Amino acid sequence: MKTRNILTANEIIKRGIDPQININVPKGVETNELEFVIIRLLYFMTSNYAEVNKISFEEALEQYGKAIITQIGIMKELSDDQAK
């Protein structure tokens, strides 16, 4: 069986600054492969959230979706502020 990395992430922790995440997508990874990995991860996170909180998958998905939209908006604002 052949295994290859589609996505790797490292957390950089330094005293006095917020942790930073470094995400690496190797050359040759196709968009559909990356999308599959990200969506699969979100599916497992949502399933786990539903199980831990004893709520339906649909309710967890709705809550997770709102949280993701909010977090992406914050990242966009931070990115815009850094570009100025």
PDB file of N, CA and C in Angstrom:
ATOM      1  N   MET A   1       0.849  -1.176   0.000  1.00  0.00           N
ATOM      2  CA  MET A   1       0.000   0.000   0.000  1.00  0.00           C
ATOM      3  C   MET A   1       0.895   1.240   0.000  1.00  0.00           C
ATOM      4  N   LYS A   2       0.535   2.192  -0.822  1.00  0.00           N
ATOM      5  CA  LYS A   2       1.287   3.444  -0.914  1.00  0.00           C
ATOM      6  C   LYS A   2       0.567   4.511  -0.084  1.00  0.00           C
ATOM      7  N   THR A   3       1.342   5.250   0.680  1.00  0.00           N
ATOM      8  CA  THR A   3       0.794   6.334   1.490  1.00  0.00           C
ATOM      9  C   THR A   3       1.510   7.626   1.130  1.00  0.00           C
ATOM     10  N   ARG A   4       0.763   8.718   1.055  1.00  0.00           N
ATOM     11  CA  ARG A   4       1.378  10.024   0.825  1.00  0.00           C
ATOM     12  C   ARG A   4       0.636  11.085   1.608  1.00  0.00           C
ATOM     13  N   ASN A   5       1.332  12.137   1.943  1.00  0.00           N
ATOM     14  CA  ASN A   5       0.737  13.243   2.686  1.00  0.00           C
ATOM     15  C   ASN A   5       0.025  14.175   1.720  1.00  0.00           C
ATOM     16  N   ILE A   6      -1.214  14.489   2.047  1.00  0.00           N
ATOM     17  CA  ILE A   6      -1.968  15.462   1.270  1.00  0.00           C
ATOM     18  C   ILE A   6      -1.967  16.800   1.994  1.00  0.00           C
ATOM     19  N   LEU A   7      -1.922  16.737   3.312  1.00  0.00           N
ATOM     20  CA  LEU A   7      -1.967  17.941   4.125  1.00  0.00           C
ATOM     21  C   LEU A   7      -1.238  17.663   5.432  1.00  0.00           C
ATOM     22  N   THR A   8      -0.339  18.553   5.814  1.00  0.00           N
ATOM     23  CA  THR A   8       0.305  18.448   7.115  1.00  0.00           C
ATOM     24  C   THR A   8       0.209  19.803   7.802  1.00  0.00           C
ATOM     25  N   ALA A   9       0.205  19.780   9.123  1.00  0.00           N
ATOM     26  CA  ALA A   9       0.139  21.021   9.888  1.00  0.00           C
ATOM     27  C   ALA A   9       1.028  20.897  11.109  1.00  0.00           C
ATOM     28  N   ASN A  10       1.666  21.992  11.436  1.00  0.00           N
ATOM     29  CA  ASN A  10       2.520  22.065  12.616  1.00  0.00           C
ATOM     30  C   ASN A  10       2.133  23.299  13.415  1.00  0.00           C
ATOM     31  N   GLU A  11       2.204  23.158  14.730  1.00  0.00           N
ATOM     32  CA  GLU A  11       1.948  24.298  15.601  1.00  0.00           C
ATOM     33  C   GLU A  11       3.280  24.798  16.143  1.00  0.00           C
ATOM     34  N   ILE A  12       3.503  26.094  15.986  1.00  0.00           N
ATOM     35  CA  ILE A  12       4.724  26.715  16.484  1.00  0.00           C
ATOM     36  C   ILE A  12       4.369  27.473  17.760  1.00  0.00           C
ATOM     37  N   ILE A  13       5.002  27.083  18.849  1.00  0.00           N
ATOM     38  CA  ILE A  13       4.720  27.705  20.139  1.00  0.00           C
ATOM     39  C   ILE A  13       5.978  28.412  20.635  1.00  0.00           C
ATOM     40  N   LYS A  14       5.850  29.715  20.849  1.00  0.00           N
ATOM     41  CA  LYS A  14       6.946  30.507  21.395  1.00  0.00           C
ATOM     42  C   LYS A  14       6.408  31.320  22.561  1.00  0.00           C
ATOM     43  N   ARG A  15       7.216  31.432  23.573  1.00  0.00           N
ATOM     44  CA  ARG A  15       6.801  32.183  24.757  1.00  0.00           C
ATOM     45  C   ARG A  15       6.524  33.637  24.390  1.00  0.00           C
ATOM     46  N   GLY A  16       5.393  34.139  24.857  1.00  0.00           N
ATOM     47  CA  GLY A  16       5.066  35.543  24.650  1.00  0.00           C
ATOM     48  C   GLY A  16       4.285  35.860  23.392  1.00  0.00           C
ATOM     49  N   ILE A  17       4.093  34.881  22.496  1.00  0.00           N
ATOM     50  CA  ILE A  17       3.278  35.122  21.295  1.00  0.00           C
ATOM     51  C   ILE A  17       2.243  34.011  21.159  1.00  0.00           C
ATOM     52  N   ASP A  18       1.167  34.309  20.460  1.00  0.00           N
ATOM     53  CA  ASP A  18       0.127  33.307  20.240  1.00  0.00           C
ATOM     54  C   ASP A  18       0.672  32.170  19.382  1.00  0.00           C
ATOM     55  N   PRO A  19       0.197  30.942  19.627  1.00  0.00           N
ATOM     56  CA  PRO A  19       0.636  29.826  18.781  1.00  0.00           C
ATOM     57  C   PRO A  19       0.319  30.092  17.316  1.00  0.00           C
ATOM     58  N   GLN A  20       1.195  29.648  16.434  1.00  0.00           N
ATOM     59  CA  GLN A  20       1.003  29.816  15.001  1.00  0.00           C
ATOM     60  C   GLN A  20       0.913  28.440  14.353  1.00  0.00           C
ATOM     61  N   ILE A  21       0.030  28.316  13.388  1.00  0.00           N
ATOM     62  CA  ILE A  21      -0.148  27.060  12.674  1.00  0.00           C
ATOM     63  C   ILE A  21       0.456  27.204  11.285  1.00  0.00           C
ATOM     64  N   ASN A  22       1.304  26.259  10.924  1.00  0.00           N
ATOM     65  CA  ASN A  22       1.906  26.228   9.598  1.00  0.00           C
ATOM     66  C   ASN A  22       1.276  25.047   8.848  1.00  0.00           C
ATOM     67  N   ILE A  23       0.585  25.327   7.752  1.00  0.00           N
ATOM     68  CA  ILE A  23      -0.081  24.290   6.962  1.00  0.00           C
ATOM     69  C   ILE A  23       0.685  24.100   5.659  1.00  0.00           C
ATOM     70  N   ASN A  24       0.977  22.845   5.334  1.00  0.00           N
ATOM     71  CA  ASN A  24       1.736  22.538   4.128  1.00  0.00           C
ATOM     72  C   ASN A  24       0.933  21.603   3.228  1.00  0.00           C
ATOM     73  N   VAL A  25       0.761  22.016   1.985  1.00  0.00           N
ATOM     74  CA  VAL A  25       0.144  21.170   0.961  1.00  0.00           C
ATOM     75  C   VAL A  25       1.238  20.888  -0.065  1.00  0.00           C
ATOM     76  N   PRO A  26       1.708  19.642  -0.137  1.00  0.00           N
ATOM     77  CA  PRO A  26       2.812  19.323  -1.045  1.00  0.00           C
ATOM     78  C   PRO A  26       2.448  19.560  -2.513  1.00  0.00           C
ATOM     79  N   LYS A  27       3.472  19.794  -3.327  1.00  0.00           N
ATOM     80  CA  LYS A  27       3.262  19.933  -4.770  1.00  0.00           C
ATOM     81  C   LYS A  27       2.658  18.639  -5.297  1.00  0.00           C
ATOM     82  N   GLY A  28       1.800  18.764  -6.271  1.00  0.00           N
ATOM     83  CA  GLY A  28       1.200  17.594  -6.890  1.00  0.00           C
ATOM     84  C   GLY A  28      -0.135  17.177  -6.297  1.00  0.00           C
ATOM     85  N   VAL A  29      -0.529  17.784  -5.165  1.00  0.00           N
ATOM     86  CA  VAL A  29      -1.825  17.464  -4.573  1.00  0.00           C
ATOM     87  C   VAL A  29      -2.901  18.153  -5.404  1.00  0.00           C
ATOM     88  N   GLU A  30      -3.886  17.386  -5.809  1.00  0.00           N
ATOM     89  CA  GLU A  30      -4.967  17.944  -6.618  1.00  0.00           C
ATOM     90  C   GLU A  30      -6.041  18.544  -5.724  1.00  0.00           C
ATOM     91  N   THR A  31      -6.759  19.507  -6.268  1.00  0.00           N
ATOM     92  CA  THR A  31      -7.790  20.209  -5.501  1.00  0.00           C
ATOM     93  C   THR A  31      -8.816  19.244  -4.922  1.00  0.00           C
ATOM     94  N   ASN A  32      -9.256  18.266  -5.707  1.00  0.00           N
ATOM     95  CA  ASN A  32     -10.281  17.350  -5.210  1.00  0.00           C
ATOM     96  C   ASN A  32      -9.756  16.491  -4.052  1.00  0.00           C
ATOM     97  N   GLU A  33      -8.467  16.168  -4.040  1.00  0.00           N
ATOM     98  CA  GLU A  33      -7.883  15.414  -2.928  1.00  0.00           C
ATOM     99  C   GLU A  33      -7.889  16.258  -1.655  1.00  0.00           C
ATOM    100  N   LEU A  34      -7.488  17.506  -1.782  1.00  0.00           N
ATOM    101  CA  LEU A  34      -7.457  18.402  -0.634  1.00  0.00           C
ATOM    102  C   LEU A  34      -8.866  18.653  -0.103  1.00  0.00           C
ATOM    103  N   GLU A  35      -9.809  18.880  -1.008  1.00  0.00           N
ATOM    104  CA  GLU A  35     -11.200  19.084  -0.599  1.00  0.00           C
ATOM    105  C   GLU A  35     -11.720  17.869   0.159  1.00  0.00           C
ATOM    106  N   PHE A  36     -11.417  16.668  -0.325  1.00  0.00           N
ATOM    107  CA  PHE A  36     -11.882  15.452   0.323  1.00  0.00           C
ATOM    108  C   PHE A  36     -11.339  15.355   1.747  1.00  0.00           C
ATOM    109  N   VAL A  37     -10.053  15.641   1.924  1.00  0.00           N
ATOM    110  CA  VAL A  37      -9.435  15.559   3.248  1.00  0.00           C
ATOM    111  C   VAL A  37     -10.068  16.571   4.202  1.00  0.00           C
ATOM    112  N   ILE A  38     -10.261  17.793   3.744  1.00  0.00           N
ATOM    113  CA  ILE A  38     -10.834  18.834   4.597  1.00  0.00           C
ATOM    114  C   ILE A  38     -12.272  18.498   4.971  1.00  0.00           C
ATOM    115  N   ILE A  39     -13.072  18.081   4.004  1.00  0.00           N
ATOM    116  CA  ILE A  39     -14.471  17.745   4.271  1.00  0.00           C
ATOM    117  C   ILE A  39     -14.572  16.532   5.181  1.00  0.00           C
ATOM    118  N   ARG A  40     -13.714  15.544   4.970  1.00  0.00           N
ATOM    119  CA  ARG A  40     -13.713  14.347   5.830  1.00  0.00           C
ATOM    120  C   ARG A  40     -13.373  14.716   7.273  1.00  0.00           C
ATOM    121  N   LEU A  41     -12.405  15.604   7.439  1.00  0.00           N
ATOM    122  CA  LEU A  41     -12.036  16.070   8.771  1.00  0.00           C
ATOM    123  C   LEU A  41     -13.212  16.792   9.430  1.00  0.00           C
ATOM    124  N   LEU A  42     -13.869  17.669   8.692  1.00  0.00           N
ATOM    125  CA  LEU A  42     -15.027  18.378   9.233  1.00  0.00           C
ATOM    126  C   LEU A  42     -16.156  17.414   9.593  1.00  0.00           C
ATOM    127  N   TYR A  43     -16.355  16.388   8.777  1.00  0.00           N
ATOM    128  CA  TYR A  43     -17.371  15.375   9.078  1.00  0.00           C
ATOM    129  C   TYR A  43     -17.068  14.681  10.407  1.00  0.00           C
ATOM    130  N   PHE A  44     -15.814  14.252  10.596  1.00  0.00           N
ATOM    131  CA  PHE A  44     -15.456  13.569  11.841  1.00  0.00           C
ATOM    132  C   PHE A  44     -15.555  14.504  13.043  1.00  0.00           C
ATOM    133  N   MET A  45     -15.169  15.760  12.863  1.00  0.00           N
ATOM    134  CA  MET A  45     -15.273  16.719  13.961  1.00  0.00           C
ATOM    135  C   MET A  45     -16.737  16.952  14.330  1.00  0.00           C
ATOM    136  N   THR A  46     -17.598  17.061  13.329  1.00  0.00           N
ATOM    137  CA  THR A  46     -19.026  17.266  13.582  1.00  0.00           C
ATOM    138  C   THR A  46     -19.640  16.049  14.249  1.00  0.00           C
ATOM    139  N   SER A  47     -19.283  14.868  13.782  1.00  0.00           N
ATOM    140  CA  SER A  47     -19.793  13.632  14.392  1.00  0.00           C
ATOM    141  C   SER A  47     -19.377  13.535  15.852  1.00  0.00           C
ATOM    142  N   ASN A  48     -18.111  13.845  16.121  1.00  0.00           N
ATOM    143  CA  ASN A  48     -17.608  13.795  17.488  1.00  0.00           C
ATOM    144  C   ASN A  48     -18.319  14.827  18.369  1.00  0.00           C
ATOM    145  N   TYR A  49     -18.495  16.031  17.839  1.00  0.00           N
ATOM    146  CA  TYR A  49     -19.192  17.094  18.566  1.00  0.00           C
ATOM    147  C   TYR A  49     -20.610  16.655  18.927  1.00  0.00           C
ATOM    148  N   ALA A  50     -21.306  16.037  17.972  1.00  0.00           N
ATOM    149  CA  ALA A  50     -22.671  15.563  18.219  1.00  0.00           C
ATOM    150  C   ALA A  50     -22.683  14.490  19.302  1.00  0.00           C
ATOM    151  N   GLU A  51     -21.739  13.574  19.229  1.00  0.00           N
ATOM    152  CA  GLU A  51     -21.689  12.478  20.196  1.00  0.00           C
ATOM    153  C   GLU A  51     -21.372  12.996  21.602  1.00  0.00           C
ATOM    154  N   VAL A  52     -20.369  13.846  21.704  1.00  0.00           N
ATOM    155  CA  VAL A  52     -19.956  14.375  23.013  1.00  0.00           C
ATOM    156  C   VAL A  52     -21.063  15.199  23.660  1.00  0.00           C
ATOM    157  N   ASN A  53     -21.771  15.977  22.851  1.00  0.00           N
ATOM    158  CA  ASN A  53     -22.821  16.855  23.368  1.00  0.00           C
ATOM    159  C   ASN A  53     -24.210  16.223  23.354  1.00  0.00           C
ATOM    160  N   LYS A  54     -24.273  14.963  22.928  1.00  0.00           N
ATOM    161  CA  LYS A  54     -25.532  14.203  22.902  1.00  0.00           C
ATOM    162  C   LYS A  54     -26.645  14.953  22.156  1.00  0.00           C
ATOM    163  N   ILE A  55     -26.285  15.410  20.963  1.00  0.00           N
ATOM    164  CA  ILE A  55     -27.252  16.074  20.087  1.00  0.00           C
ATOM    165  C   ILE A  55     -27.226  15.361  18.732  1.00  0.00           C
ATOM    166  N   SER A  56     -28.217  15.652  17.905  1.00  0.00           N
ATOM    167  CA  SER A  56     -28.272  15.020  16.585  1.00  0.00           C
ATOM    168  C   SER A  56     -27.148  15.540  15.699  1.00  0.00           C
ATOM    169  N   PHE A  57     -26.793  14.734  14.706  1.00  0.00           N
ATOM    170  CA  PHE A  57     -25.763  15.162  13.757  1.00  0.00           C
ATOM    171  C   PHE A  57     -26.196  16.446  13.056  1.00  0.00           C
ATOM    172  N   GLU A  58     -27.473  16.545  12.700  1.00  0.00           N
ATOM    173  CA  GLU A  58     -27.981  17.718  11.992  1.00  0.00           C
ATOM    174  C   GLU A  58     -27.836  18.986  12.834  1.00  0.00           C
ATOM    175  N   GLU A  59     -28.133  18.874  14.141  1.00  0.00           N
ATOM    176  CA  GLU A  59     -27.990  20.023  15.028  1.00  0.00           C
ATOM    177  C   GLU A  59     -26.512  20.410  15.179  1.00  0.00           C
ATOM    178  N   ALA A  60     -25.670  19.406  15.325  1.00  0.00           N
ATOM    179  CA  ALA A  60     -24.230  19.656  15.425  1.00  0.00           C
ATOM    180  C   ALA A  60     -23.714  20.308  14.149  1.00  0.00           C
ATOM    181  N   LEU A  61     -24.191  19.839  13.000  1.00  0.00           N
ATOM    182  CA  LEU A  61     -23.768  20.399  11.719  1.00  0.00           C
ATOM    183  C   LEU A  61     -24.168  21.864  11.609  1.00  0.00           C
ATOM    184  N   GLU A  62     -25.364  22.187  12.041  1.00  0.00           N
ATOM    185  CA  GLU A  62     -25.818  23.580  11.999  1.00  0.00           C
ATOM    186  C   GLU A  62     -24.943  24.459  12.903  1.00  0.00           C
ATOM    187  N   GLN A  63     -24.683  23.997  14.121  1.00  0.00           N
ATOM    188  CA  GLN A  63     -23.849  24.767  15.054  1.00  0.00           C
ATOM    189  C   GLN A  63     -22.415  24.889  14.534  1.00  0.00           C
ATOM    190  N   TYR A  64     -21.873  23.794  14.034  1.00  0.00           N
ATOM    191  CA  TYR A  64     -20.502  23.795  13.513  1.00  0.00           C
ATOM    192  C   TYR A  64     -20.393  24.705  12.296  1.00  0.00           C
ATOM    193  N   GLY A  65     -21.410  24.647  11.436  1.00  0.00           N
ATOM    194  CA  GLY A  65     -21.409  25.496  10.243  1.00  0.00           C
ATOM    195  C   GLY A  65     -21.348  26.969  10.602  1.00  0.00           C
ATOM    196  N   LYS A  66     -22.161  27.379  11.576  1.00  0.00           N
ATOM    197  CA  LYS A  66     -22.151  28.778  12.021  1.00  0.00           C
ATOM    198  C   LYS A  66     -20.798  29.153  12.614  1.00  0.00           C
ATOM    199  N   ALA A  67     -20.218  28.243  13.391  1.00  0.00           N
ATOM    200  CA  ALA A  67     -18.916  28.513  14.009  1.00  0.00           C
ATOM    201  C   ALA A  67     -17.823  28.648  12.945  1.00  0.00           C
ATOM    202  N   ILE A  68     -17.885  27.818  11.931  1.00  0.00           N
ATOM    203  CA  ILE A  68     -16.888  27.868  10.859  1.00  0.00           C
ATOM    204  C   ILE A  68     -17.005  29.174  10.077  1.00  0.00           C
ATOM    205  N   ILE A  69     -18.224  29.572   9.759  1.00  0.00           N
ATOM    206  CA  ILE A  69     -18.450  30.832   9.049  1.00  0.00           C
ATOM    207  C   ILE A  69     -17.892  31.997   9.855  1.00  0.00           C
ATOM    208  N   THR A  70     -18.141  32.003  11.154  1.00  0.00           N
ATOM    209  CA  THR A  70     -17.637  33.063  12.029  1.00  0.00           C
ATOM    210  C   THR A  70     -16.118  33.078  12.047  1.00  0.00           C
ATOM    211  N   GLN A  71     -15.504  31.905  12.212  1.00  0.00           N
ATOM    212  CA  GLN A  71     -14.042  31.823  12.299  1.00  0.00           C
ATOM    213  C   GLN A  71     -13.375  32.242  10.984  1.00  0.00           C
ATOM    214  N   ILE A  72     -13.941  31.831   9.866  1.00  0.00           N
ATOM    215  CA  ILE A  72     -13.374  32.232   8.572  1.00  0.00           C
ATOM    216  C   ILE A  72     -13.482  33.747   8.396  1.00  0.00           C
ATOM    217  N   GLY A  73     -14.591  34.337   8.844  1.00  0.00           N
ATOM    218  CA  GLY A  73     -14.747  35.792   8.785  1.00  0.00           C
ATOM    219  C   GLY A  73     -13.691  36.503   9.613  1.00  0.00           C
ATOM    220  N   ILE A  74     -13.404  35.975  10.802  1.00  0.00           N
ATOM    221  CA  ILE A  74     -12.370  36.560  11.662  1.00  0.00           C
ATOM    222  C   ILE A  74     -11.003  36.459  10.992  1.00  0.00           C
ATOM    223  N   MET A  75     -10.705  35.295  10.411  1.00  0.00           N
ATOM    224  CA  MET A  75      -9.419  35.121   9.722  1.00  0.00           C
ATOM    225  C   MET A  75      -9.288  36.096   8.561  1.00  0.00           C
ATOM    226  N   LYS A  76     -10.366  36.314   7.835  1.00  0.00           N
ATOM    227  CA  LYS A  76     -10.354  37.250   6.704  1.00  0.00           C
ATOM    228  C   LYS A  76     -10.082  38.663   7.194  1.00  0.00           C
ATOM    229  N   GLU A  77     -10.742  39.068   8.276  1.00  0.00           N
ATOM    230  CA  GLU A  77     -10.533  40.407   8.820  1.00  0.00           C
ATOM    231  C   GLU A  77      -9.093  40.579   9.282  1.00  0.00           C
ATOM    232  N   LEU A  78      -8.547  39.576   9.968  1.00  0.00           N
ATOM    233  CA  LEU A  78      -7.156  39.639  10.415  1.00  0.00           C
ATOM    234  C   LEU A  78      -6.205  39.727   9.228  1.00  0.00           C
ATOM    235  N   SER A  79      -6.498  38.976   8.182  1.00  0.00           N
ATOM    236  CA  SER A  79      -5.667  38.997   6.984  1.00  0.00           C
ATOM    237  C   SER A  79      -5.719  40.373   6.327  1.00  0.00           C
ATOM    238  N   ASP A  80      -6.914  40.958   6.261  1.00  0.00           N
ATOM    239  CA  ASP A  80      -7.066  42.293   5.681  1.00  0.00           C
ATOM    240  C   ASP A  80      -6.315  43.331   6.499  1.00  0.00           C
ATOM    241  N   ASP A  81      -6.388  43.218   7.834  1.00  0.00           N
ATOM    242  CA  ASP A  81      -5.689  44.160   8.711  1.00  0.00           C
ATOM    243  C   ASP A  81      -4.174  44.051   8.540  1.00  0.00           C
ATOM    244  N   GLN A  82      -3.656  42.843   8.365  1.00  0.00           N
ATOM    245  CA  GLN A  82      -2.224  42.650   8.205  1.00  0.00           C
ATOM    246  C   GLN A  82      -1.736  43.175   6.852  1.00  0.00           C
ATOM    247  N   ALA A  83      -2.624  43.170   5.859  1.00  0.00           N
ATOM    248  CA  ALA A  83      -2.250  43.634   4.519  1.00  0.00           C
ATOM    249  C   ALA A  83      -2.139  45.160   4.462  1.00  0.00           C
ATOM    250  N   LYS A  84      -2.729  45.828   5.423  1.00  0.00           N
ATOM    251  CA  LYS A  84      -2.719  47.302   5.414  1.00  0.00           C
ATOM    252  C   LYS A  84      -1.418  47.846   5.908  1.00  0.00           C
TER     253      LYS A  84
END
